[in-house]
Protein backbone atom coordinates (compact mmCIF):
# COMPACT_ATOMS: atom_id res chain seq x y z
CA MET A 1 14.75 -1.57 -13.30
CA SER A 2 16.59 0.40 -9.96
CA VAL A 3 19.22 -1.57 -8.10
CA VAL A 4 16.76 -1.58 -4.95
CA LEU A 5 13.73 -2.95 -6.26
CA GLN A 6 15.82 -5.86 -7.93
CA ARG A 7 17.12 -6.07 -3.99
CA ALA A 8 14.01 -6.45 -2.98
CA MET A 9 12.46 -8.97 -5.63
CA LEU A 10 15.28 -11.51 -4.95
CA ASN A 11 14.65 -11.19 -1.23
CA ALA A 12 10.80 -11.55 -2.07
CA LEU A 13 11.69 -14.65 -4.41
CA LYS A 14 13.42 -16.45 -1.69
CA THR A 15 10.48 -16.37 0.56
CA ARG A 16 7.65 -18.91 0.76
CA ALA A 17 5.50 -16.27 0.43
CA TRP A 18 6.61 -15.53 -2.91
CA THR A 19 6.00 -19.50 -3.67
CA LEU A 20 2.36 -19.51 -2.88
CA ALA A 21 1.73 -16.50 -4.51
CA ARG A 22 2.92 -17.90 -7.79
CA ALA A 23 1.03 -21.16 -6.70
CA SER A 24 -2.06 -19.28 -6.66
CA SER A 25 -1.92 -17.60 -9.99
CA PRO A 26 -4.47 -17.64 -12.34
CA ILE A 27 -2.30 -19.51 -14.48
CA THR A 28 -1.85 -22.55 -12.07
CA ASN A 29 -5.90 -22.58 -11.33
CA VAL A 30 -5.23 -22.86 -7.69
CA GLY A 31 -7.46 -20.12 -6.81
CA LEU A 32 -9.47 -18.93 -3.76
CA PRO A 33 -8.76 -20.95 -0.79
CA LYS A 34 -4.94 -20.26 -0.60
CA LEU A 35 -5.81 -16.61 -0.93
CA LEU A 36 -8.32 -16.74 1.54
CA ARG A 37 -5.77 -17.89 4.08
CA CYS A 38 -3.95 -14.20 3.95
CA PRO A 39 -4.22 -12.92 7.20
CA GLN A 40 -5.78 -9.54 8.15
CA ARG A 41 -4.46 -6.11 7.40
CA SER A 42 -2.57 -4.39 10.30
CA GLN A 43 -5.00 -1.59 11.31
CA LEU A 44 -4.58 1.30 13.11
CA PRO A 45 -5.74 1.30 16.55
CA TYR A 46 -7.86 4.54 16.05
CA ALA A 47 -9.59 3.44 12.69
CA GLY A 48 -12.79 3.94 13.52
CA CYS A 49 -16.28 4.29 11.59
CA LEU A 50 -16.90 7.86 10.40
CA GLN A 51 -17.80 7.93 6.52
CA LEU A 52 -17.52 5.18 3.75
CA SER A 53 -14.78 5.21 1.33
CA SER A 54 -14.06 8.01 -1.82
CA THR A 55 -11.74 6.69 -4.04
CA SER A 56 -11.42 9.97 -6.08
CA ALA A 57 -7.90 11.95 -5.79
CA GLN A 58 -6.13 14.30 -7.77
CA GLU A 59 -4.24 13.85 -10.42
CA ILE A 60 -4.21 9.66 -10.71
CA PRO A 61 -2.19 8.75 -13.96
CA THR A 62 -3.06 6.45 -16.40
CA ASP A 63 -1.69 3.42 -17.53
CA SER A 64 -0.18 5.17 -20.93
CA SER A 65 1.33 7.88 -18.77
CA PRO A 66 4.96 7.67 -17.12
CA ILE A 67 4.52 6.93 -13.47
CA GLU A 68 5.87 9.60 -11.23
CA GLU A 69 7.17 9.14 -7.82
CA LYS A 70 4.44 10.64 -6.08
CA VAL A 71 1.78 8.80 -3.63
CA TYR A 72 -1.69 10.14 -4.27
CA LEU A 73 -4.20 10.79 -1.41
CA SER A 74 -8.03 10.13 -1.78
CA GLU A 75 -10.86 12.76 0.01
CA SER A 76 -11.52 10.11 2.40
CA CYS A 77 -7.88 9.58 3.25
CA VAL A 78 -7.01 13.70 3.73
CA LYS A 79 -10.00 13.72 6.05
CA ARG A 80 -9.96 10.68 8.24
CA LEU A 81 -5.89 12.11 8.65
CA GLY A 82 -6.91 15.12 9.65
CA GLU A 83 -9.09 13.67 12.35
CA ILE A 84 -6.62 11.45 14.11
CA MET A 85 -3.20 12.91 13.43
CA ASP A 86 -1.51 15.77 15.34
CA LYS A 87 0.62 18.21 14.28
CA GLY A 88 3.98 17.10 13.09
CA GLN A 89 2.48 13.81 12.45
CA TYR A 90 2.32 11.77 9.61
CA LEU A 91 1.54 8.04 8.35
CA ARG A 92 4.57 6.01 7.07
CA ILE A 93 3.86 3.50 4.29
CA GLN A 94 5.92 0.75 4.30
CA VAL A 95 6.46 -2.01 1.78
CA GLU A 96 7.77 -5.31 3.32
CA GLY A 97 8.34 -8.58 1.95
CA GLY A 98 5.98 -11.54 3.05
CA GLY A 99 1.73 -11.41 2.85
CA CYS A 100 0.31 -13.96 0.64
CA SER A 101 1.67 -11.93 -2.66
CA GLY A 102 5.20 -11.40 -1.48
CA PHE A 103 5.05 -8.06 -0.02
CA GLN A 104 2.81 -6.35 2.30
CA TYR A 105 1.90 -2.87 3.03
CA LYS A 106 2.46 -1.54 6.48
CA PHE A 107 1.21 1.84 8.14
CA VAL A 108 2.73 3.33 11.05
CA ILE A 109 2.03 7.41 12.70
CA ASP A 110 5.21 8.68 12.68
CA SER A 111 6.73 11.95 13.43
CA THR A 112 10.11 11.39 13.09
CA ARG A 113 11.39 11.78 9.11
CA MET A 114 14.54 10.40 7.73
CA GLU A 115 17.10 11.86 5.10
CA ASP A 116 15.89 9.48 2.48
CA ASP A 117 11.88 10.02 3.46
CA ARG A 118 9.38 11.43 0.41
CA VAL A 119 6.75 13.95 2.50
CA PHE A 120 3.59 13.96 0.18
CA GLU A 121 1.23 16.58 1.64
CA GLN A 122 -2.05 17.62 0.93
CA GLY A 123 -5.14 19.43 2.37
CA GLY A 124 -2.96 19.86 5.60
CA VAL A 125 -1.75 16.15 6.02
CA GLY A 126 1.01 14.25 5.49
CA VAL A 127 2.45 11.07 4.41
CA ILE A 128 5.93 9.76 4.46
CA VAL A 129 7.29 7.32 2.08
CA ASP A 130 11.18 5.67 2.33
CA LYS A 131 13.32 5.56 -0.68
CA GLU A 132 12.75 1.33 -1.40
CA SER A 133 8.94 1.75 -0.61
CA LEU A 134 8.35 4.12 -2.94
CA GLU A 135 9.93 2.42 -5.82
CA PHE A 136 6.95 0.01 -5.02
CA VAL A 137 4.07 2.26 -4.29
CA LYS A 138 4.77 5.16 -7.08
CA GLY A 139 1.83 6.51 -8.75
CA SER A 140 -0.59 4.96 -5.95
CA THR A 141 -3.66 6.43 -4.35
CA LEU A 142 -3.80 5.86 -0.62
CA ASP A 143 -7.37 5.84 0.57
CA TYR A 144 -9.18 5.27 3.72
CA THR A 145 -11.94 2.37 3.55
CA GLN A 146 -14.71 1.64 5.81
CA GLU A 147 -16.64 -1.71 5.38
CA LEU A 148 -18.59 -3.72 8.00
CA ILE A 149 -15.78 -5.80 9.49
CA ARG A 150 -12.89 -2.94 9.40
CA SER A 151 -11.78 0.53 8.83
CA SER A 152 -8.52 1.10 7.42
CA PHE A 153 -5.69 2.58 5.16
CA GLN A 154 -5.26 0.78 1.76
CA VAL A 155 -3.15 1.50 -1.37
CA VAL A 156 -5.49 1.35 -4.39
CA LYS A 157 -5.02 1.29 -8.10
CA ASN A 158 -1.02 0.53 -7.68
CA PRO A 159 0.41 0.69 -11.24
CA GLN A 160 3.53 -1.36 -9.43
CA ALA A 161 1.40 -4.37 -8.51
CA ASP A 162 0.60 -7.52 -10.62
CA HIS A 163 -2.09 -8.79 -8.14
CA GLY A 164 -2.71 -8.46 -5.00
CA CYS A 165 -4.25 -10.66 -2.07
CA SER A 166 -8.06 -11.09 -1.64
CA CYS A 167 -7.62 -9.34 1.74
CA GLY A 168 -6.15 -6.13 -0.14
CA SER A 169 -2.66 -6.05 2.56
CA SER A 170 -0.31 -7.80 0.11
CA PHE A 171 0.36 -7.78 -3.41
CA SER A 172 2.95 -8.96 -6.41
CA VAL A 173 5.21 -6.68 -8.40
CA LYS A 174 5.19 -6.51 -12.36
CA LEU A 175 8.39 -8.21 -13.23
């Protein structure tokens, strides 16, 4: 386990969110009422309604394959990013401590690339992930989903996540 991941997990263990995640695990049978208190996912201000979700992505690894330090983009994600971003802009994925399950995803449109950023490009659009956040999302697929109550980017099929909140914006990591 990397030093970055160990530090992040230690910080999460100290938070109330991590305690709540452990208390609402299937083992203790506390269940749904606590999970439903999760705050709504942050949305981009221009995430409008265009199409239904398509979670097909290229090269999604299976559980038995080694996890590449890569983030995959679904067709719907590539299409939506192409519609909302200007040239030179990227969607930045960050992982922060917090949320109902210990960690939460944050999405920001950014045109600044830092030295430790990894860029994943497909179909003329790009996603930026910093080195620390990549430890939590490597091997994941970024999708754009559209529901009756919201349209948003979501991290799906995250091999680093143990379980997540019912709202989909937070998760706990596999130890």
